[in-house]
Amino acid sequence: MMKKIKHMDSTESKDLPSPSAKPKKHKTWPKIVWSVLATLLASLIVWVSVSLGTSNGVMNLVLRNAFAGSQNIEEPAWTGETYTGLQYAQDVETDTLDLYVPTSNKKTPLLIVVHGGGFIENDSNSRQATLMYQYFRSEGYSVASINYRLSPETTYPEPVSDVKAAIRYLRYNADTYGFDTDKFTIFGESAGGYLATMAALSDDDEYTSVPFNGEASAGTISANVSSLIDFYGVLDFENYDSDFDELGTPHWLTSLVGTSDSTTRDDSIITKFLGKKLTSCTASELKEINPLSRLEGTTKNLNIYIAHGSVDITVPKLQSMRFYDLAKYALPNNKVKYVEEKNFKHADDRFYTHENLASVKEFLED
C-alpha cells in the first residue's frame, strides 16, 4: 500500500524564526567564573592545611604524605673511580655491589649503603641509595652500595648474612681500594635500616652462612663497623602494628601503603621476609630477629645516628624512638643521636638534601 506523503504548500504557515530574531544566549560565563573560584578556594584550603596542618591527626597524616613532593637534588661533582657489579659473595651471583672511590692521597672512610624496599624490591641504585652515595663520595668518602637477596628469593636470615659478607669483602680488600678500616660506617633506610642495624649489632660469629669472595685464603675477617646510620628503619616486628595503634594511625591508612594486616599478617612484608607468620615464632625466635634485644649487655663500640619522619605511615616513628632510648643507655661511651624530621614522610626526599646529609657527615666526623 502506498503511503501518502503530505506536501506542504507554500501558502501554509511555517513555524520558523523571523529573520530579525536573535539567538538565545546561554549564561555560561557566570558558571565558569564560579567554577574557577571554587577550584581556587579548594586549592587554597588544601594549601593552608598542608602548610599549617596540625601536629597530629589523620587529616594531617594524609595531607603531609599526599603533598610531600620530590626535591630537585643536584648531583654534586666528584672525581674518582667507579666499580660496578663487584661480586662480593662466593656462591651467590646476585650478591654484587657498586663501589665509588674518590681520588685521594690518603686512606678514605667507607660508607656502606643498604637500600630499602620492604625486603622485596629495589637495588643498589634506588633513589635513596643514589642520593646517599652521590653526596658522600663528593665529600671524600668511598661508598659501597650493595645488593642483597630479596624475598621471596630467600628469607631471613640470609639477607643479613649477605650484608655481613659484603662488609667482610670490603675489609678484606681495604688495601686495594685505600679504605681506612677504622672508619667503616653502615647506612640503611627502611628495610635496609633493619639489615644494617642487625649487621652492626650482631657478633662476628653470627650470620656467617654466606662466604665472601676471597674467604678461603683470607681467614677470619671481621664485619665490625664503627658507626651506624639508620633512616626510618623497621626495627621491632613484634610491636609494628601496636606502635601504629599507640600513635592513633588507623589501619585503613596504613593499608594504603601496603603495611601488614594486624589480624592475619598473611600478606605482610614481615611474613614474606621471615618465610612464616610472626605469630608462629617462638619467644627465642622473636628475640633473635629483634635488633633492639641485641643492645642488652652489648660491648660494641658503635656510634649511632637515627632519623625518622614525624608523619611516617609505613614504619611507625616509635620504632626509632625506642631504639634511641635503649641505645643511649646500652652504649654510654659512644655517640647516639635521634633526629625526628617534622612532617617528613617515609623515604622523603628531604632526608637526602645536601643540607640534611651535611648534618649526618658532621656527626660522623665530630
Protein backbone atom coordinates (compact mmCIF):
# COMPACT_ATOMS: atom_id res chain seq x y z
CA MET A 1 0.00 0.00 0.00
CA MET A 2 1.32 3.37 -0.94
CA LYS A 3 1.79 5.82 1.95
CA LYS A 4 0.52 9.30 1.37
CA ILE A 5 3.08 11.99 1.68
CA LYS A 6 1.81 15.38 2.62
CA HIS A 7 3.41 18.18 0.70
CA MET A 8 3.50 21.49 2.40
CA ASP A 9 2.01 24.20 0.36
CA SER A 10 3.94 27.38 0.06
CA THR A 11 0.99 29.20 1.46
CA GLU A 12 0.89 27.15 4.66
CA SER A 13 2.24 28.75 7.81
CA LYS A 14 5.68 27.63 8.91
CA ASP A 15 6.83 27.91 12.48
CA LEU A 16 10.19 29.45 11.65
CA PRO A 17 12.06 32.27 13.38
CA SER A 18 11.86 35.63 11.79
CA PRO A 19 14.99 36.99 10.18
CA SER A 20 15.18 39.68 12.83
CA ALA A 21 15.05 37.25 15.79
CA LYS A 22 18.36 36.93 17.76
CA PRO A 23 19.58 33.51 19.03
CA LYS A 24 19.25 32.97 22.76
CA LYS A 25 22.47 33.34 24.74
CA HIS A 26 23.29 30.68 27.34
CA LYS A 27 24.58 32.15 30.56
CA THR A 28 27.84 30.13 30.71
CA TRP A 29 30.28 32.80 31.87
CA PRO A 30 28.93 33.04 35.44
CA LYS A 31 29.14 29.26 35.76
CA ILE A 32 32.74 29.23 34.53
CA VAL A 33 33.71 32.03 36.88
CA TRP A 34 32.12 30.33 39.88
CA SER A 35 33.76 27.02 38.94
CA VAL A 36 37.19 28.63 38.76
CA LEU A 37 36.63 30.43 42.07
CA ALA A 38 35.52 27.19 43.74
CA THR A 39 38.59 25.38 42.43
CA LEU A 40 40.89 28.14 43.65
CA LEU A 41 39.20 28.15 47.04
CA ALA A 42 39.53 24.38 47.37
CA SER A 43 43.19 24.60 46.37
CA LEU A 44 43.76 27.37 48.90
CA ILE A 45 42.15 25.28 51.66
CA VAL A 46 44.37 22.31 50.81
CA TRP A 47 47.49 24.51 50.65
CA VAL A 48 46.72 26.12 54.01
CA SER A 49 46.02 22.70 55.53
CA VAL A 50 49.31 21.35 54.26
CA SER A 51 51.27 24.47 55.20
CA LEU A 52 49.86 24.83 58.68
CA GLY A 53 48.41 21.45 59.49
CA THR A 54 48.32 20.11 62.99
CA SER A 55 50.96 18.19 64.84
CA ASN A 56 48.80 15.08 64.80
CA GLY A 57 45.57 13.72 63.47
CA VAL A 58 44.60 11.60 60.49
CA MET A 59 43.98 14.55 58.17
CA ASN A 60 47.47 15.85 58.83
CA LEU A 61 48.98 12.44 58.03
CA VAL A 62 47.01 12.18 54.79
CA LEU A 63 47.86 15.68 53.60
CA ARG A 64 51.53 15.52 54.55
CA ASN A 65 52.02 12.22 52.78
CA ALA A 66 49.99 13.18 49.73
CA PHE A 67 51.70 16.50 49.11
CA ALA A 68 55.33 15.74 50.00
CA GLY A 69 56.73 16.07 46.52
CA SER A 70 60.12 15.14 45.11
CA GLN A 71 63.02 17.51 45.67
CA ASN A 72 65.33 18.74 42.94
CA ILE A 73 68.60 17.49 44.44
CA GLU A 74 71.52 18.08 42.12
CA GLU A 75 74.27 15.52 41.79
CA PRO A 76 77.45 17.05 43.27
CA ALA A 77 80.65 16.85 41.25
CA TRP A 78 83.34 14.37 42.23
CA THR A 79 86.44 12.73 40.79
CA GLY A 80 87.37 9.12 41.31
CA GLU A 81 86.93 5.53 40.17
CA THR A 82 83.66 3.63 39.77
CA TYR A 83 83.45 -0.16 40.00
CA THR A 84 80.05 -1.65 39.23
CA GLY A 85 78.78 -5.17 39.74
CA LEU A 86 81.57 -6.41 42.02
CA GLN A 87 80.55 -9.85 43.25
CA TYR A 88 81.22 -9.94 46.96
CA ALA A 89 79.71 -13.34 47.79
CA GLN A 90 81.47 -16.50 46.75
CA ASP A 91 78.41 -18.59 45.85
CA VAL A 92 75.64 -16.05 45.15
CA GLU A 93 75.80 -14.38 41.73
CA THR A 94 73.22 -11.74 42.60
CA ASP A 95 75.22 -10.53 45.61
CA THR A 96 77.02 -7.60 43.99
CA LEU A 97 77.97 -4.10 44.97
CA ASP A 98 78.85 -0.83 43.27
CA LEU A 99 81.93 0.91 44.60
CA TYR A 100 82.86 4.58 44.31
CA VAL A 101 86.39 5.56 45.36
CA PRO A 102 87.25 9.28 45.30
CA THR A 103 90.66 10.44 44.20
CA SER A 104 92.71 10.88 47.38
CA ASN A 105 96.30 10.73 48.57
CA LYS A 106 95.26 9.19 51.89
CA LYS A 107 93.04 6.38 53.09
CA THR A 108 89.36 7.22 52.89
CA PRO A 109 86.48 6.44 55.25
CA LEU A 110 83.99 3.96 53.83
CA LEU A 111 80.19 4.23 53.80
CA ILE A 112 78.29 1.01 53.11
CA VAL A 113 74.79 1.72 51.75
CA VAL A 114 71.97 -0.81 52.23
CA HIS A 115 68.87 0.11 50.21
CA GLY A 116 65.29 -0.28 51.38
CA GLY A 117 62.23 -1.62 49.61
CA GLY A 118 60.31 -3.76 52.08
CA PHE A 119 62.75 -6.68 51.62
CA ILE A 120 61.07 -7.37 48.26
CA GLU A 121 62.25 -4.70 45.80
CA ASN A 122 64.83 -2.04 44.81
CA ASP A 123 68.57 -2.35 44.32
CA SER A 124 71.88 -0.56 44.79
CA ASN A 125 70.70 2.26 42.51
CA SER A 126 67.40 3.03 44.17
CA ARG A 127 66.67 6.74 44.51
CA GLN A 128 67.55 6.86 48.21
CA ALA A 129 70.75 4.84 47.77
CA THR A 130 71.78 7.02 44.83
CA LEU A 131 71.23 10.30 46.65
CA MET A 132 73.22 8.93 49.58
CA TYR A 133 76.26 7.72 47.65
CA GLN A 134 76.34 10.79 45.38
CA TYR A 135 76.64 13.12 48.35
CA PHE A 136 79.18 11.16 50.39
CA ARG A 137 81.51 10.30 47.52
CA SER A 138 81.68 14.04 46.73
CA GLU A 139 82.70 14.61 50.35
CA GLY A 140 85.75 12.34 50.16
CA TYR A 141 84.15 9.08 51.27
CA SER A 142 84.46 5.80 49.46
CA VAL A 143 80.94 4.39 49.13
CA ALA A 144 79.79 0.83 48.51
CA SER A 145 76.12 0.46 47.56
CA ILE A 146 75.19 -3.19 47.91
CA ASN A 147 72.60 -5.59 46.54
CA TYR A 148 71.28 -8.42 48.70
CA ARG A 149 68.85 -11.23 48.03
CA LEU A 150 65.21 -10.22 48.21
CA SER A 151 62.06 -12.04 49.26
CA PRO A 152 60.69 -14.40 48.08
CA GLU A 153 64.01 -15.50 46.53
CA THR A 154 65.25 -16.02 50.06
CA THR A 155 64.14 -15.36 53.62
CA TYR A 156 65.66 -14.44 56.98
CA PRO A 157 68.49 -14.84 57.97
CA GLU A 158 70.12 -14.91 54.52
CA PRO A 159 69.79 -11.16 53.69
CA VAL A 160 71.59 -10.32 56.96
CA SER A 161 74.30 -12.83 56.05
CA ASP A 162 74.60 -11.17 52.63
CA VAL A 163 75.20 -7.76 54.21
CA LYS A 164 77.83 -9.12 56.61
CA ALA A 165 79.57 -10.92 53.74
CA ALA A 166 79.75 -7.58 51.92
CA ILE A 167 81.36 -5.90 54.94
CA ARG A 168 83.98 -8.67 55.22
CA TYR A 169 84.70 -8.48 51.49
CA LEU A 170 85.24 -4.72 51.71
CA ARG A 171 87.54 -5.02 54.72
CA TYR A 172 89.50 -7.81 53.02
CA ASN A 173 90.04 -5.52 50.00
CA ALA A 174 90.69 -2.35 52.02
CA ASP A 175 94.32 -2.04 50.92
CA THR A 176 93.39 -2.50 47.27
CA TYR A 177 90.96 0.41 47.30
CA GLY A 178 92.50 2.54 50.05
CA PHE A 179 89.88 2.28 52.80
CA ASP A 180 90.52 3.33 56.37
CA THR A 181 89.38 0.18 58.20
CA ASP A 182 88.86 2.14 61.43
CA LYS A 183 86.20 4.25 59.71
CA PHE A 184 83.62 1.82 58.37
CA THR A 185 80.07 3.21 58.54
CA ILE A 186 76.96 1.28 57.51
CA PHE A 187 73.81 3.09 56.41
CA GLY A 188 70.38 1.58 55.88
CA GLU A 189 66.97 3.01 55.11
CA SER A 190 63.61 1.35 55.86
CA ALA A 191 64.10 -2.42 55.36
CA GLY A 192 67.77 -1.65 54.77
CA GLY A 193 67.77 0.02 58.17
CA TYR A 194 66.83 -3.31 59.72
CA LEU A 195 69.56 -5.18 57.84
CA ALA A 196 72.21 -2.55 58.60
CA THR A 197 71.28 -2.50 62.29
CA MET A 198 71.34 -6.28 62.57
CA ALA A 199 74.74 -6.37 60.87
CA ALA A 200 76.12 -3.65 63.14
CA LEU A 201 74.83 -5.14 66.42
CA SER A 202 75.42 -8.86 65.80
CA ASP A 203 78.61 -10.65 66.77
CA ASP A 204 81.24 -11.77 64.27
CA ASP A 205 80.31 -15.41 64.67
CA GLU A 206 76.69 -14.75 63.68
CA TYR A 207 75.23 -14.67 60.15
CA THR A 208 78.25 -16.29 58.52
CA SER A 209 76.43 -18.65 56.16
CA VAL A 210 77.47 -16.64 53.09
CA PRO A 211 81.23 -16.79 52.39
CA PHE A 212 82.69 -13.67 50.80
CA ASN A 213 84.87 -13.78 47.71
CA GLY A 214 88.38 -14.47 48.93
CA GLU A 215 87.39 -16.00 52.25
CA ALA A 216 89.17 -19.30 51.52
CA SER A 217 92.56 -17.61 51.57
CA ALA A 218 91.72 -14.71 53.88
CA GLY A 219 90.96 -16.50 57.10
CA THR A 220 88.94 -14.67 59.73
CA ILE A 221 87.84 -11.18 58.71
CA SER A 222 85.72 -9.01 61.00
CA ALA A 223 82.39 -7.49 59.94
CA ASN A 224 82.51 -4.81 62.63
CA VAL A 225 81.68 -1.22 61.80
CA SER A 226 82.40 1.90 63.81
CA SER A 227 79.18 3.80 63.03
CA LEU A 228 75.58 3.06 62.07
CA ILE A 229 73.18 5.41 60.29
CA ASP A 230 69.56 4.27 60.44
CA PHE A 231 66.91 6.16 58.48
CA TYR A 232 63.33 5.19 59.41
CA GLY A 233 64.23 1.51 59.79
CA VAL A 234 61.73 -1.17 60.76
CA LEU A 235 63.33 -2.44 63.94
CA ASP A 236 60.70 -4.17 66.05
CA PHE A 237 58.48 -6.56 64.12
CA GLU A 238 56.58 -7.70 67.20
CA ASN A 239 55.33 -4.19 68.04
CA TYR A 240 54.93 -2.98 64.47
CA ASP A 241 51.11 -2.82 64.46
CA SER A 242 50.70 -1.84 68.11
CA ASP A 243 53.05 1.11 67.57
CA PHE A 244 50.69 2.45 64.90
CA ASP A 245 47.78 1.90 67.28
CA GLU A 246 49.57 3.86 70.00
CA LEU A 247 50.17 6.71 67.57
CA GLY A 248 46.50 6.71 66.58
CA THR A 249 47.22 5.80 62.96
CA PRO A 250 44.16 4.00 61.53
CA HIS A 251 44.60 0.62 59.85
CA TRP A 252 42.84 1.75 56.68
CA LEU A 253 45.52 4.40 56.22
CA THR A 254 48.50 2.10 56.71
CA SER A 255 46.89 -0.46 54.39
CA LEU A 256 47.06 2.11 51.59
CA VAL A 257 50.86 1.84 51.59
CA GLY A 258 50.92 -1.95 51.94
CA THR A 259 51.76 -2.40 55.61
CA SER A 260 50.78 -5.59 57.37
CA ASP A 261 47.31 -6.75 58.31
CA SER A 262 47.29 -6.85 62.09
CA THR A 263 44.86 -9.78 62.14
CA THR A 264 46.35 -12.32 59.74
CA ARG A 265 49.73 -10.95 58.59
CA ASP A 266 49.46 -13.46 55.73
CA ASP A 267 50.45 -10.95 53.06
CA SER A 268 52.62 -8.68 55.16
CA ILE A 269 56.19 -7.74 54.30
CA ILE A 270 57.21 -9.25 57.63
CA THR A 271 55.72 -12.63 56.73
CA LYS A 272 57.41 -12.61 53.33
CA PHE A 273 60.76 -11.71 54.88
CA LEU A 274 60.59 -14.31 57.66
CA GLY A 275 59.04 -17.02 55.50
CA LYS A 276 56.34 -17.54 58.12
CA LYS A 277 53.85 -15.57 60.17
CA LEU A 278 55.21 -13.62 63.09
CA THR A 279 52.58 -15.18 65.34
CA SER A 280 54.15 -18.61 64.76
CA CYS A 281 57.58 -17.53 66.05
CA THR A 282 58.75 -18.77 69.43
CA ALA A 283 59.90 -16.39 72.16
CA SER A 284 63.55 -17.15 71.42
CA GLU A 285 63.00 -16.56 67.70
CA LEU A 286 61.33 -13.23 68.38
CA LYS A 287 64.33 -12.19 70.45
CA GLU A 288 66.77 -13.32 67.77
CA ILE A 289 65.16 -11.34 64.96
CA ASN A 290 64.79 -8.18 67.04
CA PRO A 291 67.87 -5.94 66.74
CA LEU A 292 66.82 -3.97 69.82
CA SER A 293 67.23 -7.06 72.00
CA ARG A 294 70.90 -7.18 70.97
CA LEU A 295 71.60 -3.96 72.83
CA GLU A 296 71.23 -5.73 76.16
CA GLY A 297 74.71 -6.44 77.51
CA THR A 298 76.47 -5.44 74.30
CA THR A 299 80.13 -4.45 74.33
CA LYS A 300 80.01 -2.90 70.87
CA ASN A 301 81.98 0.27 70.22
CA LEU A 302 79.41 1.86 67.97
CA ASN A 303 78.17 5.37 67.20
CA ILE A 304 74.56 5.58 66.00
CA TYR A 305 72.64 8.26 64.09
CA ILE A 306 68.87 7.67 63.87
CA ALA A 307 66.39 9.71 61.81
CA HIS A 308 62.65 9.29 61.31
CA GLY A 309 59.84 11.37 59.82
CA SER A 310 57.05 12.52 62.11
CA VAL A 311 54.28 11.58 59.62
CA ASP A 312 55.63 8.21 58.50
CA ILE A 313 52.74 5.81 57.81
CA THR A 314 54.96 2.97 56.56
CA VAL A 315 57.16 2.47 59.63
CA PRO A 316 55.96 3.98 62.94
CA LYS A 317 58.37 6.51 64.42
CA LEU A 318 58.10 4.79 67.81
CA GLN A 319 60.43 2.11 66.42
CA SER A 320 63.26 4.64 66.07
CA MET A 321 62.43 6.36 69.34
CA ARG A 322 62.60 3.05 71.20
CA PHE A 323 65.91 2.24 69.53
CA TYR A 324 67.33 5.58 70.67
CA ASP A 325 66.10 5.18 74.25
CA LEU A 326 67.71 1.75 74.54
CA ALA A 327 70.93 2.56 72.69
CA LYS A 328 71.83 5.69 74.64
CA TYR A 329 71.96 3.61 77.86
CA ALA A 330 73.44 0.45 76.33
CA LEU A 331 76.24 2.42 74.63
CA PRO A 332 77.06 5.13 77.20
CA ASN A 333 80.58 5.78 75.91
CA ASN A 334 79.52 6.27 72.31
CA LYS A 335 77.52 8.86 70.47
CA VAL A 336 73.83 8.12 69.91
CA LYS A 337 71.64 10.72 68.25
CA TYR A 338 67.97 10.74 67.27
CA VAL A 339 66.50 13.30 64.88
CA GLU A 340 62.76 13.47 64.26
CA GLU A 341 62.19 15.29 61.00
CA LYS A 342 58.98 17.27 61.27
CA ASN A 343 56.40 16.49 58.57
CA PHE A 344 58.74 14.13 56.68
CA LYS A 345 57.05 11.05 55.25
CA HIS A 346 58.64 7.64 54.72
CA ALA A 347 61.65 7.83 52.36
CA ASP A 348 61.07 11.56 51.98
CA ASP A 349 63.49 13.23 49.55
CA ARG A 350 64.21 15.86 52.20
CA PHE A 351 66.20 13.31 54.20
CA TYR A 352 68.72 13.42 51.36
CA THR A 353 69.18 17.12 50.68
CA HIS A 354 72.79 18.26 50.84
CA GLU A 355 71.97 20.33 53.91
CA ASN A 356 70.46 17.40 55.77
CA LEU A 357 73.24 14.98 54.87
CA ALA A 358 75.83 17.56 55.94
CA SER A 359 74.48 17.11 59.48
CA VAL A 360 74.99 13.35 59.20
CA LYS A 361 78.55 13.87 57.95
CA GLU A 362 79.23 16.27 60.83
CA PHE A 363 78.04 13.60 63.28
CA LEU A 364 80.41 11.04 61.77
CA GLU A 365 83.39 13.36 61.85
CA ASP A 366 82.76 15.01 65.23
